């Protein structure tokens, strides 16, 4: 007895499905190449080493990209990877980015010579398309709303000028949360000064010494978060906090909580994306607390100021206190308290200055611009030196 051969029928359906899938897969790879070339067509020439898509789809990539701009810059990208549905990808990742021939406006030729920008990776979350839109500026801005960057460096033949471990930006407020974080931004001021025109070096070195306590190595870390808690169709509470720290110099912390009423028909996500939330919304009360902590900067400012004026540090502080009293007589006691607090930071009698503003209800921020001198009183500003 002969049994029918069922192997071919069992294989036929998967094989047919694979062929159908692979045709759309290959189409995605070709589409990526066309979209990338169209993106830069007016600005230079792009060559792509390889285009491919995973067998079952889900990942489309371009490798060994080289873009030569009309301005003489060269952009190299090891991999450009689109993950998820090509039309609506989950992420777009660029790896191994290198920019050669960078031109910095106003920079001396010594600084621009052989300047290189290297970026380990850029990841864009839910961008809406595989490449940034060509003719829609709003959509192009939205493409970069949620992005992370890792391992950036700006290099010169004399050595590394600046580096950044990581940056993360969440500007998409659709989930009512957003934020920005900056990790280990380092700038070698010594090398920048050595490459600057000779007539500018003395002033630059003076600023560097004040900012870095003479090390010439500037380091900045920071992070800010914001949350929106709706309490009605147009009302809600905005909460934001964060800190910016300049190593061996100062730190600045922010704590904001405010009730807001949105304009008719407005969406908080759109206003946050435009950066106009606080301009368009009406205040419903709340507070803003700014904390300035001394980490060495103000003490060095006092020494520098006394040296430049040719007086002792005690005389310089006394003069600063007298000026604070004078400004207080002109602009009010809150301004006097603020300036006295800054003098206390220079003198070392305080380590932190805390400024608290009570945000009034039923006001728009633009209304405060009409009479800026009255702001300390209208905000019931309180200053505390600790």
Protein backbone atom coordinates (compact mmCIF):
# COMPACT_ATOMS: atom_id res chain seq x y z
CA UNK A 1 0.00 0.00 0.00
CA UNK A 2 1.24 3.46 -0.88
CA UNK A 3 0.51 6.37 1.45
CA UNK A 4 0.03 9.83 0.00
CA UNK A 5 2.97 12.20 0.37
CA UNK A 6 1.71 14.86 2.81
CA UNK A 7 5.08 16.57 3.26
CA UNK A 8 4.69 18.96 0.33
CA UNK A 9 1.17 20.14 1.27
CA UNK A 10 2.31 20.71 4.87
CA UNK A 11 5.24 22.81 3.64
CA UNK A 12 3.36 24.67 0.94
CA UNK A 13 1.35 27.00 3.19
CA UNK A 14 4.28 28.15 5.36
CA UNK A 15 6.42 28.56 2.25
CA UNK A 16 3.78 30.64 0.52
CA UNK A 17 3.30 32.81 3.60
CA UNK A 18 7.05 33.29 3.87
CA UNK A 19 7.27 34.36 0.25
CA UNK A 20 4.43 36.83 0.70
CA UNK A 21 6.02 38.20 3.89
CA UNK A 22 9.45 38.45 2.35
CA UNK A 23 8.15 40.51 -0.56
CA UNK A 24 6.83 43.17 1.84
CA UNK A 25 10.00 42.81 3.92
CA UNK A 26 12.22 43.57 0.94
CA UNK A 27 9.89 46.43 0.05
CA UNK A 28 10.50 47.95 3.49
CA UNK A 29 14.26 47.82 2.97
CA UNK A 30 13.97 49.52 -0.41
CA UNK A 31 11.57 52.08 1.04
CA UNK A 32 14.01 52.94 3.83
CA UNK A 33 16.76 53.60 1.32
CA UNK A 34 14.48 55.81 -0.78
CA UNK A 35 13.20 57.73 2.26
CA UNK A 36 16.71 58.40 3.57
CA UNK A 37 17.92 59.61 0.19
CA UNK A 38 14.89 61.87 -0.22
CA UNK A 39 15.48 63.34 3.23
CA UNK A 40 18.91 64.71 2.30
CA UNK A 41 18.64 65.05 -1.46
CA UNK A 42 18.70 68.87 -1.45
CA UNK A 43 21.65 69.08 0.97
CA UNK A 44 24.19 66.65 -0.45
CA UNK A 45 24.83 63.08 -1.55
CA UNK A 46 24.06 59.92 0.44
CA UNK A 47 25.52 56.47 -0.16
CA UNK A 48 24.30 53.36 1.68
CA UNK A 49 26.41 50.23 1.98
CA UNK A 50 23.64 47.73 2.68
CA UNK A 51 19.86 47.57 3.17
CA UNK A 52 18.17 44.61 4.84
CA UNK A 53 15.15 43.45 6.81
CA UNK A 54 14.78 40.55 9.22
CA UNK A 55 13.19 37.49 7.60
CA UNK A 56 9.82 37.87 9.32
CA UNK A 57 9.94 41.63 9.39
CA UNK A 58 10.02 43.72 12.54
CA UNK A 59 13.45 45.25 11.85
CA UNK A 60 14.63 47.16 8.82
CA UNK A 61 18.16 48.50 8.69
CA UNK A 62 20.55 50.54 6.61
CA UNK A 63 24.27 50.09 7.22
CA UNK A 64 27.42 52.01 6.40
CA UNK A 65 25.78 55.32 5.53
CA UNK A 66 27.92 58.17 4.25
CA UNK A 67 26.51 61.63 3.61
CA UNK A 68 28.60 64.36 1.94
CA UNK A 69 26.98 67.76 2.40
CA UNK A 70 27.31 70.72 0.04
CA UNK A 71 28.90 72.63 2.95
CA UNK A 72 31.80 70.18 3.21
CA UNK A 73 30.63 68.23 6.26
CA UNK A 74 30.67 64.43 6.24
CA UNK A 75 28.21 62.33 8.25
CA UNK A 76 28.96 58.63 8.84
CA UNK A 77 26.44 56.24 10.45
CA UNK A 78 27.27 52.60 11.07
CA UNK A 79 23.64 51.45 11.41
CA UNK A 80 20.20 53.02 11.03
CA UNK A 81 17.66 50.57 12.48
CA UNK A 82 13.87 50.80 12.29
CA UNK A 83 12.13 48.43 14.75
CA UNK A 84 8.46 47.46 14.50
CA UNK A 85 6.02 48.24 11.71
CA UNK A 86 7.85 50.37 9.16
CA UNK A 87 4.93 52.78 8.75
CA UNK A 88 4.58 53.25 12.53
CA UNK A 89 7.84 52.08 14.14
CA UNK A 90 8.35 51.45 17.84
CA UNK A 91 11.87 52.89 17.77
CA UNK A 92 14.47 54.23 15.38
CA UNK A 93 18.09 53.74 16.45
CA UNK A 94 21.22 55.29 14.98
CA UNK A 95 24.52 53.76 16.03
CA UNK A 96 28.13 54.71 15.44
CA UNK A 97 27.61 58.34 14.37
CA UNK A 98 30.55 60.48 13.27
CA UNK A 99 30.54 64.01 11.86
CA UNK A 100 33.66 65.39 10.15
CA UNK A 101 34.42 68.90 8.96
CA UNK A 102 32.26 70.66 11.53
CA UNK A 103 32.03 74.42 11.24
CA UNK A 104 31.29 76.47 14.37
CA UNK A 105 30.01 79.97 13.73
CA UNK A 106 32.48 82.55 14.99
CA UNK A 107 35.06 79.96 16.05
CA UNK A 108 38.75 80.49 15.19
CA UNK A 109 40.26 78.32 12.45
CA UNK A 110 42.51 76.56 14.99
CA UNK A 111 39.40 75.26 16.76
CA UNK A 112 37.58 74.06 13.66
CA UNK A 113 40.59 72.26 12.18
CA UNK A 114 39.91 68.50 12.06
CA UNK A 115 37.03 68.84 14.57
CA UNK A 116 35.12 65.56 15.01
CA UNK A 117 31.78 64.82 16.64
CA UNK A 118 31.20 61.21 17.74
CA UNK A 119 27.95 59.81 19.15
CA UNK A 120 27.62 56.23 20.32
CA UNK A 121 23.88 55.97 19.75
CA UNK A 122 20.66 57.92 19.33
CA UNK A 123 17.34 56.20 20.09
CA UNK A 124 14.02 57.78 19.11
CA UNK A 125 10.91 56.30 20.76
CA UNK A 126 7.59 56.08 18.86
CA UNK A 127 8.64 58.62 16.22
CA UNK A 128 5.59 58.14 14.00
CA UNK A 129 7.67 57.46 10.88
CA UNK A 130 10.91 55.73 9.93
CA UNK A 131 12.63 59.01 8.96
CA UNK A 132 11.88 62.61 9.97
CA UNK A 133 9.12 64.19 7.82
CA UNK A 134 10.37 66.35 4.97
CA UNK A 135 7.87 69.20 4.61
CA UNK A 136 6.07 69.41 7.95
CA UNK A 137 8.05 71.28 10.62
CA UNK A 138 5.56 70.40 13.37
CA UNK A 139 5.75 66.68 12.63
CA UNK A 140 9.53 66.90 12.38
CA UNK A 141 9.67 68.39 15.89
CA UNK A 142 7.35 65.66 17.18
CA UNK A 143 9.68 63.04 15.68
CA UNK A 144 12.30 64.02 18.27
CA UNK A 145 9.98 64.34 21.29
CA UNK A 146 11.22 61.18 23.06
CA UNK A 147 14.90 60.66 22.44
CA UNK A 148 18.00 59.37 24.22
CA UNK A 149 21.61 59.97 23.31
CA UNK A 150 24.66 58.12 24.63
CA UNK A 151 28.42 58.62 24.57
CA UNK A 152 28.92 61.93 22.79
CA UNK A 153 32.37 63.44 22.34
CA UNK A 154 33.76 66.47 20.52
CA UNK A 155 37.35 65.75 19.54
CA UNK A 156 40.27 67.79 18.20
CA UNK A 157 43.81 66.70 17.27
CA UNK A 158 44.92 68.33 20.53
CA UNK A 159 42.56 66.05 22.50
CA UNK A 160 38.96 65.71 23.64
CA UNK A 161 37.21 69.08 24.01
CA UNK A 162 33.89 67.93 25.43
CA UNK A 163 31.97 64.76 26.24
CA UNK A 164 28.54 63.70 27.42
CA UNK A 165 27.71 60.32 28.93
CA UNK A 166 24.00 60.54 28.23
CA UNK A 167 20.99 62.71 27.54
CA UNK A 168 17.34 61.68 27.77
CA UNK A 169 14.40 63.82 26.68
CA UNK A 170 10.73 62.96 27.10
CA UNK A 171 8.77 65.80 25.54
CA UNK A 172 5.66 63.74 24.78
CA UNK A 173 3.03 64.70 27.34
CA UNK A 174 0.37 62.33 25.98
CA UNK A 175 0.91 60.22 29.11
CA UNK A 176 0.92 63.41 31.23
CA UNK A 177 4.59 62.99 32.15
CA UNK A 178 7.82 64.35 30.75
CA UNK A 179 11.37 65.18 31.65
CA UNK A 180 14.96 65.88 30.74
CA UNK A 181 18.15 64.41 32.16
CA UNK A 182 21.77 65.31 31.43
CA UNK A 183 24.54 63.00 32.66
CA UNK A 184 28.16 64.07 32.98
CA UNK A 185 28.61 66.87 30.49
CA UNK A 186 32.34 67.61 30.58
CA UNK A 187 34.12 70.51 28.87
CA UNK A 188 37.91 70.86 28.81
CA UNK A 189 38.22 74.62 29.18
CA UNK A 190 42.02 74.43 29.23
CA UNK A 191 42.11 73.05 25.68
CA UNK A 192 39.48 75.50 24.48
CA UNK A 193 41.49 78.40 25.89
CA UNK A 194 44.69 77.14 24.24
CA UNK A 195 42.90 77.06 20.88
CA UNK A 196 41.29 80.51 21.30
CA UNK A 197 42.78 83.72 19.87
CA UNK A 198 45.60 84.95 22.09
CA UNK A 199 43.87 88.25 22.91
CA UNK A 200 40.87 86.38 24.38
CA UNK A 201 42.74 83.87 26.51
CA UNK A 202 43.28 86.00 29.64
CA UNK A 203 39.58 86.73 30.11
CA UNK A 204 38.60 83.14 29.28
CA UNK A 205 41.13 81.80 31.79
CA UNK A 206 39.73 84.10 34.49
CA UNK A 207 36.21 82.80 33.87
CA UNK A 208 37.49 79.21 33.83
CA UNK A 209 39.25 79.63 37.18
CA UNK A 210 36.08 80.98 38.78
CA UNK A 211 33.88 78.20 37.39
CA UNK A 212 36.25 75.25 37.97
CA UNK A 213 38.44 76.35 40.90
CA UNK A 214 41.43 76.37 38.58
CA UNK A 215 41.09 72.81 37.26
CA UNK A 216 39.89 73.92 33.84
CA UNK A 217 37.50 70.94 33.78
CA UNK A 218 33.82 71.90 33.69
CA UNK A 219 31.26 69.24 34.63
CA UNK A 220 27.48 69.60 34.57
CA UNK A 221 24.76 67.14 35.62
CA UNK A 222 21.05 67.78 35.76
CA UNK A 223 17.55 66.43 35.56
CA UNK A 224 14.01 67.80 35.54
CA UNK A 225 10.65 66.00 35.65
CA UNK A 226 7.11 67.23 35.16
CA UNK A 227 3.72 65.63 35.76
CA UNK A 228 0.21 66.81 34.89
CA UNK A 229 -2.71 65.65 37.07
CA UNK A 230 -6.06 66.65 35.52
CA UNK A 231 -8.87 67.62 37.88
CA UNK A 232 -11.48 68.63 35.31
CA UNK A 233 -12.02 69.20 31.61
CA UNK A 234 -9.70 72.21 31.54
CA UNK A 235 -8.14 72.27 35.01
CA UNK A 236 -5.25 70.37 36.48
CA UNK A 237 -2.16 70.48 38.64
CA UNK A 238 1.35 70.83 37.22
CA UNK A 239 4.15 69.46 39.38
CA UNK A 240 7.78 69.85 38.37
CA UNK A 241 11.07 69.41 40.16
CA UNK A 242 14.71 69.00 39.31
CA UNK A 243 18.30 69.97 39.95
CA UNK A 244 21.21 71.35 37.96
CA UNK A 245 24.68 70.83 39.45
CA UNK A 246 27.91 72.46 38.33
CA UNK A 247 30.68 70.53 40.05
CA UNK A 248 32.80 72.54 42.51
CA UNK A 249 30.68 75.63 41.77
CA UNK A 250 26.97 75.55 42.61
CA UNK A 251 23.72 73.62 42.42
CA UNK A 252 20.28 74.94 41.57
CA UNK A 253 17.11 73.07 42.54
CA UNK A 254 13.54 73.79 41.46
CA UNK A 255 10.23 72.73 42.99
CA UNK A 256 7.04 73.87 41.26
CA UNK A 257 3.42 73.04 42.01
CA UNK A 258 0.63 75.03 40.43
CA UNK A 259 -3.05 74.73 39.60
CA UNK A 260 -3.67 75.68 35.98
CA UNK A 261 -6.72 76.36 33.81
CA UNK A 262 -6.16 75.61 30.13
CA UNK A 263 -7.57 77.77 27.32
CA UNK A 264 -10.80 76.58 25.72
CA UNK A 265 -10.14 73.62 23.40
CA UNK A 266 -6.45 73.35 24.29
CA UNK A 267 -4.66 70.10 25.13
CA UNK A 268 -1.91 70.01 27.74
CA UNK A 269 0.27 67.77 25.53
CA UNK A 270 0.17 70.30 22.67
CA UNK A 271 0.95 73.25 24.94
CA UNK A 272 3.85 71.39 26.56
CA UNK A 273 5.22 70.40 23.14
CA UNK A 274 5.08 74.05 22.04
CA UNK A 275 6.59 75.24 25.32
CA UNK A 276 3.63 77.60 25.84
CA UNK A 277 1.77 75.95 28.73
CA UNK A 278 2.66 78.56 31.34
CA UNK A 279 2.05 81.37 28.85
CA UNK A 280 -1.39 80.22 27.70
CA UNK A 281 -2.81 78.78 30.93
CA UNK A 282 -4.21 80.81 33.82
CA UNK A 283 -2.70 80.31 37.26
CA UNK A 284 -4.90 78.86 39.96
CA UNK A 285 -2.47 79.25 42.84
CA UNK A 286 0.56 77.29 43.92
CA UNK A 287 4.24 77.78 44.73
CA UNK A 288 7.67 77.88 43.19
CA UNK A 289 10.77 77.21 45.30
CA UNK A 290 14.27 77.88 43.97
CA UNK A 291 17.24 76.67 46.02
CA UNK A 292 20.75 77.88 45.26
CA UNK A 293 23.54 75.98 47.04
CA UNK A 294 27.11 77.26 47.25
CA UNK A 295 29.75 74.77 46.13
CA UNK A 296 32.65 77.22 45.84
CA UNK A 297 31.60 79.64 43.07
CA UNK A 298 30.50 82.56 45.23
CA UNK A 299 33.61 82.48 47.39
CA UNK A 300 35.74 82.69 44.25
CA UNK A 301 33.58 85.52 42.89
CA UNK A 302 34.26 87.49 46.07
CA UNK A 303 38.02 86.97 45.74
CA UNK A 304 37.96 87.96 42.08
CA UNK A 305 35.83 91.03 42.72
CA UNK A 306 38.08 92.24 45.52
CA UNK A 307 41.18 91.69 43.39
CA UNK A 308 39.78 93.56 40.41
CA UNK A 309 38.74 96.53 42.56
CA UNK A 310 42.02 96.54 44.47
CA UNK A 311 40.41 96.22 47.92
CA UNK A 312 40.38 93.63 50.68
CA UNK A 313 37.70 90.93 50.72
CA UNK A 314 36.16 92.49 53.86
CA UNK A 315 35.92 95.87 52.11
CA UNK A 316 34.42 94.27 49.03
CA UNK A 317 31.74 92.50 51.11
CA UNK A 318 30.90 95.70 52.96
CA UNK A 319 30.48 97.53 49.67
CA UNK A 320 28.24 94.74 48.36
CA UNK A 321 26.02 94.94 51.46
CA UNK A 322 25.72 98.70 51.04
CA UNK A 323 24.67 98.22 47.42
CA UNK A 324 22.10 95.62 48.51
CA UNK A 325 20.56 98.18 50.87
CA UNK A 326 20.45 100.74 48.07
CA UNK A 327 18.68 98.39 45.67
CA UNK A 328 16.27 97.50 48.46
CA UNK A 329 15.30 101.13 48.88
CA UNK A 330 14.56 101.36 45.15
CA UNK A 331 12.93 97.99 44.48
CA UNK A 332 11.64 96.79 47.83
CA UNK A 333 12.69 94.69 50.83
CA UNK A 334 12.42 91.37 48.96
CA UNK A 335 15.13 92.47 46.50
CA UNK A 336 17.27 93.60 49.41
CA UNK A 337 16.84 90.20 51.09
CA UNK A 338 17.82 88.42 47.86
CA UNK A 339 20.98 90.47 47.37
CA UNK A 340 21.94 90.15 51.05
CA UNK A 341 21.54 86.39 50.68
CA UNK A 342 23.95 86.35 47.73
CA UNK A 343 26.45 88.36 49.77
CA UNK A 344 26.09 85.82 52.61
CA UNK A 345 26.96 83.05 50.13
CA UNK A 346 30.12 84.95 49.12
CA UNK A 347 31.06 85.62 52.74
CA UNK A 348 30.58 81.97 53.73
CA UNK A 349 28.01 82.80 56.43
CA UNK A 350 25.37 80.84 54.44
CA UNK A 351 25.57 77.70 52.29
CA UNK A 352 22.14 77.83 50.65
CA UNK A 353 19.72 80.49 49.48
CA UNK A 354 16.05 79.53 49.21
CA UNK A 355 13.59 81.74 47.34
CA UNK A 356 9.88 80.93 47.67
CA UNK A 357 7.24 82.44 45.39
CA UNK A 358 3.52 82.08 46.07
CA UNK A 359 1.77 81.94 42.71
CA UNK A 360 -1.45 84.00 42.72
CA UNK A 361 -4.74 82.62 41.46
CA UNK A 362 -6.61 83.72 38.34
CA UNK A 363 -3.59 85.31 36.70
CA UNK A 364 -1.73 84.72 33.44
CA UNK A 365 2.02 84.97 33.45
CA UNK A 366 2.05 87.50 30.63
CA UNK A 367 0.18 89.94 32.89
CA UNK A 368 3.22 90.14 35.18
CA UNK A 369 5.34 91.59 32.37
CA UNK A 370 3.32 94.82 32.58
CA UNK A 371 4.93 95.76 35.90
CA UNK A 372 8.07 93.65 36.51
CA UNK A 373 9.22 95.78 39.46
CA UNK A 374 6.12 94.70 41.37
CA UNK A 375 6.82 90.98 40.89
CA UNK A 376 8.44 90.33 44.31
CA UNK A 377 5.41 91.78 46.08
CA UNK A 378 2.79 90.17 43.81
CA UNK A 379 4.47 86.79 44.26
CA UNK A 380 4.89 87.36 48.01
CA UNK A 381 8.55 86.45 47.57
CA UNK A 382 10.33 85.13 50.63
CA UNK A 383 14.11 84.72 50.88
CA UNK A 384 15.90 82.55 53.40
CA UNK A 385 19.67 82.16 53.76
CA UNK A 386 20.68 78.95 55.47
